[in-house]
PDB file of N, CA and C in Angstrom:
ATOM      1  N   MET A   1      10.131-121.505 216.801  1.00  0.00           N
ATOM      2  CA  MET A   1      10.975-122.433 216.079  1.00  0.00           C
ATOM      3  C   MET A   1      10.351-123.831 216.137  1.00  0.00           C
ATOM      4  N   ARG A   2      10.448-124.563 215.045  1.00  0.00           N
ATOM      5  CA  ARG A   2       9.875-125.906 214.979  1.00  0.00           C
ATOM      6  C   ARG A   2      10.686-126.887 215.809  1.00  0.00           C
ATOM      7  N   LYS A   3       9.977-127.847 216.383  1.00  0.00           N
ATOM      8  CA  LYS A   3      10.657-128.920 217.095  1.00  0.00           C
ATOM      9  C   LYS A   3      11.066-129.981 216.081  1.00  0.00           C
ATOM     10  N   PHE A   4      12.281-130.463 216.205  1.00  0.00           N
ATOM     11  CA  PHE A   4      12.763-131.497 215.303  1.00  0.00           C
ATOM     12  C   PHE A   4      12.804-132.829 216.024  1.00  0.00           C
ATOM     13  N   VAL A   5      12.449-133.863 215.319  1.00  0.00           N
ATOM     14  CA  VAL A   5      12.467-135.212 215.860  1.00  0.00           C
ATOM     15  C   VAL A   5      13.823-135.817 215.510  1.00  0.00           C
ATOM     16  N   PRO A   6      14.560-136.327 216.489  1.00  0.00           N
ATOM     17  CA  PRO A   6      15.868-136.905 216.187  1.00  0.00           C
ATOM     18  C   PRO A   6      15.739-138.156 215.315  1.00  0.00           C
ATOM     19  N   ALA A   7      16.744-138.346 214.497  1.00  0.00           N
ATOM     20  CA  ALA A   7      16.775-139.533 213.633  1.00  0.00           C
ATOM     21  C   ALA A   7      17.572-140.627 214.326  1.00  0.00           C
ATOM     22  N   LYS A   8      17.282-141.860 213.979  1.00  0.00           N
ATOM     23  CA  LYS A   8      18.062-142.970 214.511  1.00  0.00           C
ATOM     24  C   LYS A   8      18.515-143.844 213.347  1.00  0.00           C
ATOM     25  N   LYS A   9      19.650-144.462 213.515  1.00  0.00           N
ATOM     26  CA  LYS A   9      20.222-145.312 212.485  1.00  0.00           C
ATOM     27  C   LYS A   9      19.496-146.647 212.490  1.00  0.00           C
ATOM     28  N   ARG A  10      19.003-147.056 211.307  1.00  0.00           N
ATOM     29  CA  ARG A  10      18.283-148.338 211.193  1.00  0.00           C
ATOM     30  C   ARG A  10      19.192-149.426 210.665  1.00  0.00           C
ATOM     31  N   VAL A  11      19.948-149.127 209.618  1.00  0.00           N
ATOM     32  CA  VAL A  11      20.836-150.104 209.006  1.00  0.00           C
ATOM     33  C   VAL A  11      22.172-149.441 208.733  1.00  0.00           C
ATOM     34  N   ASP A  12      23.200-150.241 208.605  1.00  0.00           N
ATOM     35  CA  ASP A  12      24.533-149.721 208.331  1.00  0.00           C
ATOM     36  C   ASP A  12      24.822-149.865 206.841  1.00  0.00           C
ATOM     37  N   VAL A  13      24.538-148.796 206.093  1.00  0.00           N
ATOM     38  CA  VAL A  13      24.725-148.781 204.642  1.00  0.00           C
ATOM     39  C   VAL A  13      25.538-147.541 204.293  1.00  0.00           C
ATOM     40  N   SER A  14      26.559-147.708 203.470  1.00  0.00           N
ATOM     41  CA  SER A  14      27.360-146.559 203.040  1.00  0.00           C
ATOM     42  C   SER A  14      26.618-145.818 201.924  1.00  0.00           C
ATOM     43  N   PRO A  15      26.975-144.562 201.680  1.00  0.00           N
ATOM     44  CA  PRO A  15      26.364-143.843 200.556  1.00  0.00           C
ATOM     45  C   PRO A  15      26.554-144.576 199.220  1.00  0.00           C
ATOM     46  N   GLY A  16      27.727-145.158 199.005  1.00  0.00           N
ATOM     47  CA  GLY A  16      27.974-145.905 197.764  1.00  0.00           C
ATOM     48  C   GLY A  16      27.062-147.114 197.636  1.00  0.00           C
ATOM     49  N   GLU A  17      26.856-147.807 198.761  1.00  0.00           N
ATOM     50  CA  GLU A  17      25.951-148.960 198.743  1.00  0.00           C
ATOM     51  C   GLU A  17      24.523-148.512 198.460  1.00  0.00           C
ATOM     52  N   SER A  18      24.140-147.355 198.971  1.00  0.00           N
ATOM     53  CA  SER A  18      22.777-146.876 198.710  1.00  0.00           C
ATOM     54  C   SER A  18      22.586-146.557 197.232  1.00  0.00           C
ATOM     55  N   VAL A  19      23.610-146.002 196.587  1.00  0.00           N
ATOM     56  CA  VAL A  19      23.535-145.747 195.137  1.00  0.00           C
ATOM     57  C   VAL A  19      23.327-147.067 194.400  1.00  0.00           C
ATOM     58  N   ARG A  20      24.134-148.075 194.750  1.00  0.00           N
ATOM     59  CA  ARG A  20      24.031-149.380 194.085  1.00  0.00           C
ATOM     60  C   ARG A  20      22.663-150.010 194.309  1.00  0.00           C
ATOM     61  N   ILE A  21      22.177-149.980 195.537  1.00  0.00           N
ATOM     62  CA  ILE A  21      20.888-150.597 195.861  1.00  0.00           C
ATOM     63  C   ILE A  21      19.762-149.940 195.065  1.00  0.00           C
ATOM     64  N   ILE A  22      19.711-148.618 195.071  1.00  0.00           N
ATOM     65  CA  ILE A  22      18.636-147.916 194.349  1.00  0.00           C
ATOM     66  C   ILE A  22      18.766-148.128 192.844  1.00  0.00           C
ATOM     67  N   ARG A  23      20.005-148.120 192.341  1.00  0.00           N
ATOM     68  CA  ARG A  23      20.218-148.369 190.897  1.00  0.00           C
ATOM     69  C   ARG A  23      19.721-149.760 190.525  1.00  0.00           C
ATOM     70  N   GLU A  24      20.073-150.760 191.320  1.00  0.00           N
ATOM     71  CA  GLU A  24      19.661-152.133 191.028  1.00  0.00           C
ATOM     72  C   GLU A  24      18.153-152.318 191.174  1.00  0.00           C
ATOM     73  N   LEU A  25      17.539-151.657 192.162  1.00  0.00           N
ATOM     74  CA  LEU A  25      16.084-151.744 192.308  1.00  0.00           C
ATOM     75  C   LEU A  25      15.370-151.195 191.073  1.00  0.00           C
ATOM     76  N   GLN A  26      15.989-150.231 190.412  1.00  0.00           N
ATOM     77  CA  GLN A  26      15.401-149.659 189.206  1.00  0.00           C
ATOM     78  C   GLN A  26      15.872-150.382 187.943  1.00  0.00           C
ATOM     79  N   GLU A  27      16.592-151.488 188.150  1.00  0.00           N
ATOM     80  CA  GLU A  27      17.076-152.339 187.065  1.00  0.00           C
ATOM     81  C   GLU A  27      17.898-151.558 186.043  1.00  0.00           C
ATOM     82  N   LEU A  28      18.774-150.693 186.553  1.00  0.00           N
ATOM     83  CA  LEU A  28      19.679-149.929 185.700  1.00  0.00           C
ATOM     84  C   LEU A  28      21.091-150.479 185.843  1.00  0.00           C
ATOM     85  N   SER A  29      21.816-150.529 184.743  1.00  0.00           N
ATOM     86  CA  SER A  29      23.235-150.853 184.811  1.00  0.00           C
ATOM     87  C   SER A  29      23.994-149.570 185.129  1.00  0.00           C
ATOM     88  N   GLN A  30      25.246-149.715 185.489  1.00  0.00           N
ATOM     89  CA  GLN A  30      26.065-148.523 185.718  1.00  0.00           C
ATOM     90  C   GLN A  30      26.173-147.695 184.436  1.00  0.00           C
ATOM     91  N   THR A  31      26.256-148.351 183.305  1.00  0.00           N
ATOM     92  CA  THR A  31      26.341-147.656 182.017  1.00  0.00           C
ATOM     93  C   THR A  31      25.064-146.873 181.736  1.00  0.00           C
ATOM     94  N   GLN A  32      23.916-147.475 182.020  1.00  0.00           N
ATOM     95  CA  GLN A  32      22.643-146.778 181.813  1.00  0.00           C
ATOM     96  C   GLN A  32      22.519-145.570 182.742  1.00  0.00           C
ATOM     97  N   LEU A  33      22.915-145.733 184.009  1.00  0.00           N
ATOM     98  CA  LEU A  33      22.874-144.624 184.945  1.00  0.00           C
ATOM     99  C   LEU A  33      23.815-143.515 184.500  1.00  0.00           C
ATOM    100  N   SER A  34      24.976-143.899 184.007  1.00  0.00           N
ATOM    101  CA  SER A  34      25.941-142.928 183.501  1.00  0.00           C
ATOM    102  C   SER A  34      25.337-142.098 182.369  1.00  0.00           C
ATOM    103  N   ALA A  35      24.620-142.748 181.472  1.00  0.00           N
ATOM    104  CA  ALA A  35      23.982-142.041 180.357  1.00  0.00           C
ATOM    105  C   ALA A  35      22.895-141.084 180.846  1.00  0.00           C
ATOM    106  N   LEU A  36      22.195-141.459 181.920  1.00  0.00           N
ATOM    107  CA  LEU A  36      21.130-140.622 182.460  1.00  0.00           C
ATOM    108  C   LEU A  36      21.653-139.378 183.176  1.00  0.00           C
ATOM    109  N   CYS A  37      22.804-139.517 183.842  1.00  0.00           N
ATOM    110  CA  CYS A  37      23.267-138.418 184.694  1.00  0.00           C
ATOM    111  C   CYS A  37      24.527-137.719 184.213  1.00  0.00           C
ATOM    112  N   GLY A  38      25.243-138.319 183.262  1.00  0.00           N
ATOM    113  CA  GLY A  38      26.456-137.681 182.755  1.00  0.00           C
ATOM    114  C   GLY A  38      27.697-137.922 183.592  1.00  0.00           C
ATOM    115  N   ILE A  39      27.588-138.731 184.640  1.00  0.00           N
ATOM    116  CA  ILE A  39      28.755-139.101 185.444  1.00  0.00           C
ATOM    117  C   ILE A  39      29.359-140.351 184.801  1.00  0.00           C
ATOM    118  N   PRO A  40      30.677-140.359 184.559  1.00  0.00           N
ATOM    119  CA  PRO A  40      31.290-141.535 183.916  1.00  0.00           C
ATOM    120  C   PRO A  40      31.009-142.833 184.682  1.00  0.00           C
ATOM    121  N   GLN A  41      30.854-143.916 183.952  1.00  0.00           N
ATOM    122  CA  GLN A  41      30.571-145.222 184.548  1.00  0.00           C
ATOM    123  C   GLN A  41      31.662-145.608 185.527  1.00  0.00           C
ATOM    124  N   THR A  42      32.916-145.293 185.216  1.00  0.00           N
ATOM    125  CA  THR A  42      34.015-145.643 186.117  1.00  0.00           C
ATOM    126  C   THR A  42      33.896-144.904 187.451  1.00  0.00           C
ATOM    127  N   THR A  43      33.402-143.678 187.412  1.00  0.00           N
ATOM    128  CA  THR A  43      33.195-142.915 188.648  1.00  0.00           C
ATOM    129  C   THR A  43      32.048-143.509 189.452  1.00  0.00           C
ATOM    130  N   ILE A  44      30.976-143.917 188.765  1.00  0.00           N
ATOM    131  CA  ILE A  44      29.853-144.566 189.460  1.00  0.00           C
ATOM    132  C   ILE A  44      30.339-145.841 190.143  1.00  0.00           C
ATOM    133  N   SER A  45      31.147-146.624 189.451  1.00  0.00           N
ATOM    134  CA  SER A  45      31.704-147.838 190.041  1.00  0.00           C
ATOM    135  C   SER A  45      32.545-147.505 191.269  1.00  0.00           C
ATOM    136  N   SER A  46      33.365-146.466 191.175  1.00  0.00           N
ATOM    137  CA  SER A  46      34.205-146.065 192.308  1.00  0.00           C
ATOM    138  C   SER A  46      33.369-145.581 193.486  1.00  0.00           C
ATOM    139  N   ILE A  47      32.275-144.875 193.211  1.00  0.00           N
ATOM    140  CA  ILE A  47      31.379-144.426 194.281  1.00  0.00           C
ATOM    141  C   ILE A  47      30.752-145.635 194.970  1.00  0.00           C
ATOM    142  N   GLU A  48      30.240-146.565 194.167  1.00  0.00           N
ATOM    143  CA  GLU A  48      29.571-147.745 194.720  1.00  0.00           C
ATOM    144  C   GLU A  48      30.521-148.613 195.539  1.00  0.00           C
ATOM    145  N   ASN A  49      31.809-148.579 195.214  1.00  0.00           N
ATOM    146  CA  ASN A  49      32.790-149.387 195.933  1.00  0.00           C
ATOM    147  C   ASN A  49      33.568-148.579 196.971  1.00  0.00           C
ATOM    148  N   SER A  50      33.056-147.375 197.282  1.00  0.00           N
ATOM    149  CA  SER A  50      33.620-146.494 198.316  1.00  0.00           C
ATOM    150  C   SER A  50      35.072-146.109 198.062  1.00  0.00           C
ATOM    151  N   ARG A  51      35.481-146.073 196.805  1.00  0.00           N
ATOM    152  CA  ARG A  51      36.822-145.596 196.458  1.00  0.00           C
ATOM    153  C   ARG A  51      36.823-144.092 196.218  1.00  0.00           C
ATOM    154  N   VAL A  52      35.636-143.535 195.918  1.00  0.00           N
ATOM    155  CA  VAL A  52      35.456-142.104 195.690  1.00  0.00           C
ATOM    156  C   VAL A  52      34.285-141.660 196.551  1.00  0.00           C
ATOM    157  N   ASN A  53      34.430-140.521 197.225  1.00  0.00           N
ATOM    158  CA  ASN A  53      33.329-139.990 198.031  1.00  0.00           C
ATOM    159  C   ASN A  53      32.198-139.533 197.129  1.00  0.00           C
ATOM    160  N   LEU A  54      30.976-139.762 197.573  1.00  0.00           N
ATOM    161  CA  LEU A  54      29.801-139.367 196.802  1.00  0.00           C
ATOM    162  C   LEU A  54      29.731-137.855 196.674  1.00  0.00           C
ATOM    163  N   GLY A  55      29.783-137.143 197.757  1.00  0.00           N
ATOM    164  CA  GLY A  55      29.712-135.689 197.726  1.00  0.00           C
ATOM    165  C   GLY A  55      28.301-135.190 197.434  1.00  0.00           C
ATOM    166  N   VAL A  56      28.018-133.987 197.897  1.00  0.00           N
ATOM    167  CA  VAL A  56      26.674-133.425 197.779  1.00  0.00           C
ATOM    168  C   VAL A  56      26.297-133.153 196.319  1.00  0.00           C
ATOM    169  N   GLU A  57      27.208-132.573 195.549  1.00  0.00           N
ATOM    170  CA  GLU A  57      26.872-132.236 194.158  1.00  0.00           C
ATOM    171  C   GLU A  57      26.620-133.490 193.328  1.00  0.00           C
ATOM    172  N   ARG A  58      27.447-134.508 193.481  1.00  0.00           N
ATOM    173  CA  ARG A  58      27.210-135.769 192.762  1.00  0.00           C
ATOM    174  C   ARG A  58      25.914-136.413 193.238  1.00  0.00           C
ATOM    175  N   ALA A  59      25.634-136.319 194.538  1.00  0.00           N
ATOM    176  CA  ALA A  59      24.395-136.888 195.082  1.00  0.00           C
ATOM    177  C   ALA A  59      23.180-136.235 194.442  1.00  0.00           C
ATOM    178  N   LYS A  60      23.229-134.925 194.237  1.00  0.00           N
ATOM    179  CA  LYS A  60      22.112-134.224 193.596  1.00  0.00           C
ATOM    180  C   LYS A  60      21.903-134.724 192.172  1.00  0.00           C
ATOM    181  N   VAL A  61      22.985-134.876 191.424  1.00  0.00           N
ATOM    182  CA  VAL A  61      22.888-135.334 190.032  1.00  0.00           C
ATOM    183  C   VAL A  61      22.376-136.774 189.973  1.00  0.00           C
ATOM    184  N   LEU A  62      22.943-137.641 190.811  1.00  0.00           N
ATOM    185  CA  LEU A  62      22.510-139.041 190.833  1.00  0.00           C
ATOM    186  C   LEU A  62      21.066-139.167 191.311  1.00  0.00           C
ATOM    187  N   ALA A  63      20.695-138.383 192.311  1.00  0.00           N
ATOM    188  CA  ALA A  63      19.322-138.447 192.836  1.00  0.00           C
ATOM    189  C   ALA A  63      18.310-138.056 191.773  1.00  0.00           C
ATOM    190  N   THR A  64      18.639-137.066 190.968  1.00  0.00           N
ATOM    191  CA  THR A  64      17.741-136.677 189.872  1.00  0.00           C
ATOM    192  C   THR A  64      17.570-137.837 188.899  1.00  0.00           C
ATOM    193  N   ALA A  65      18.669-138.475 188.536  1.00  0.00           N
ATOM    194  CA  ALA A  65      18.614-139.597 187.592  1.00  0.00           C
ATOM    195  C   ALA A  65      17.889-140.801 188.199  1.00  0.00           C
ATOM    196  N   LEU A  66      18.056-141.013 189.514  1.00  0.00           N
ATOM    197  CA  LEU A  66      17.443-142.163 190.187  1.00  0.00           C
ATOM    198  C   LEU A  66      16.052-141.845 190.748  1.00  0.00           C
ATOM    199  N   ARG A  67      15.600-140.602 190.561  1.00  0.00           N
ATOM    200  CA  ARG A  67      14.274-140.161 191.009  1.00  0.00           C
ATOM    201  C   ARG A  67      14.073-140.398 192.507  1.00  0.00           C
ATOM    202  N   CYS A  68      15.040-139.902 193.277  1.00  0.00           N
ATOM    203  CA  CYS A  68      14.927-139.971 194.737  1.00  0.00           C
ATOM    204  C   CYS A  68      15.483-138.680 195.322  1.00  0.00           C
ATOM    205  N   HIS A  69      15.314-138.482 196.596  1.00  0.00           N
ATOM    206  CA  HIS A  69      15.845-137.295 197.261  1.00  0.00           C
ATOM    207  C   HIS A  69      17.342-137.518 197.526  1.00  0.00           C
ATOM    208  N   PRO A  70      18.172-136.489 197.346  1.00  0.00           N
ATOM    209  CA  PRO A  70      19.610-136.651 197.598  1.00  0.00           C
ATOM    210  C   PRO A  70      19.936-137.168 199.001  1.00  0.00           C
ATOM    211  N   ALA A  71      19.125-136.836 199.989  1.00  0.00           N
ATOM    212  CA  ALA A  71      19.385-137.301 201.363  1.00  0.00           C
ATOM    213  C   ALA A  71      19.325-138.820 201.459  1.00  0.00           C
ATOM    214  N   VAL A  72      18.550-139.447 200.594  1.00  0.00           N
ATOM    215  CA  VAL A  72      18.467-140.912 200.594  1.00  0.00           C
ATOM    216  C   VAL A  72      19.835-141.505 200.264  1.00  0.00           C
ATOM    217  N   LEU A  73      20.582-140.811 199.401  1.00  0.00           N
ATOM    218  CA  LEU A  73      21.906-141.287 199.016  1.00  0.00           C
ATOM    219  C   LEU A  73      22.981-140.870 200.017  1.00  0.00           C
ATOM    220  N   VAL A  74      22.892-139.644 200.507  1.00  0.00           N
ATOM    221  CA  VAL A  74      23.925-139.107 201.388  1.00  0.00           C
ATOM    222  C   VAL A  74      23.814-139.648 202.810  1.00  0.00           C
ATOM    223  N   PHE A  75      22.575-139.843 203.292  1.00  0.00           N
ATOM    224  CA  PHE A  75      22.340-140.317 204.655  1.00  0.00           C
ATOM    225  C   PHE A  75      21.518-141.605 204.638  1.00  0.00           C
ATOM    226  N   PRO A  76      22.046-142.677 204.060  1.00  0.00           N
ATOM    227  CA  PRO A  76      21.262-143.913 203.998  1.00  0.00           C
ATOM    228  C   PRO A  76      21.114-144.549 205.366  1.00  0.00           C
ATOM    229  N   GLY A  77      20.017-145.261 205.538  1.00  0.00           N
ATOM    230  CA  GLY A  77      19.832-146.040 206.759  1.00  0.00           C
ATOM    231  C   GLY A  77      19.288-145.278 207.940  1.00  0.00           C
ATOM    232  N   TRP A  78      18.894-144.002 207.770  1.00  0.00           N
ATOM    233  CA  TRP A  78      18.384-143.224 208.887  1.00  0.00           C
ATOM    234  C   TRP A  78      16.877-143.145 208.810  1.00  0.00           C
ATOM    235  N   GLN A  79      16.246-143.153 209.966  1.00  0.00           N
ATOM    236  CA  GLN A  79      14.782-143.045 210.044  1.00  0.00           C
ATOM    237  C   GLN A  79      14.429-142.100 211.185  1.00  0.00           C
ATOM    238  N   LEU A  80      13.395-141.301 210.956  1.00  0.00           N
ATOM    239  CA  LEU A  80      12.924-140.446 212.032  1.00  0.00           C
ATOM    240  C   LEU A  80      12.237-141.290 213.086  1.00  0.00           C
ATOM    241  N   GLU A  81      12.498-140.960 214.350  1.00  0.00           N
ATOM    242  CA  GLU A  81      11.756-141.633 215.424  1.00  0.00           C
ATOM    243  C   GLU A  81      10.363-141.070 215.420  1.00  0.00           C
ATOM    244  N   SER A  82       9.382-141.897 215.679  1.00  0.00           N
ATOM    245  CA  SER A  82       8.010-141.399 215.701  1.00  0.00           C
ATOM    246  C   SER A  82       7.810-140.510 216.916  1.00  0.00           C
ATOM    247  N   ALA A  83       7.116-139.419 216.681  1.00  0.00           N
ATOM    248  CA  ALA A  83       6.839-138.491 217.780  1.00  0.00           C
ATOM    249  C   ALA A  83       5.709-139.066 218.631  1.00  0.00           C
ATOM    250  N   ALA A  84       5.968-139.237 219.882  1.00  0.00           N
ATOM    251  CA  ALA A  84       4.955-139.830 220.765  1.00  0.00           C
ATOM    252  C   ALA A  84       4.373-138.801 221.697  1.00  0.00           C
TER     253      ALA A  84
END
């Protein structure tokens, strides 16, 4: 069995904040992201403001549109400790 390296929390960012940060880094509006992924703009706004849970299935759809791995959205702020 493979040895796993434990992860440690680097920053305190919610999944909704990670969606907003990545969307803004790609210079997309909520409306543009909505058109790319098919999730209503109002739902994207609710996710970004932590009024609606992101969830794994939505994370997969958003990650495809944002060209990132779903774990980046679901588990923001985590980093693997370097194996020494």
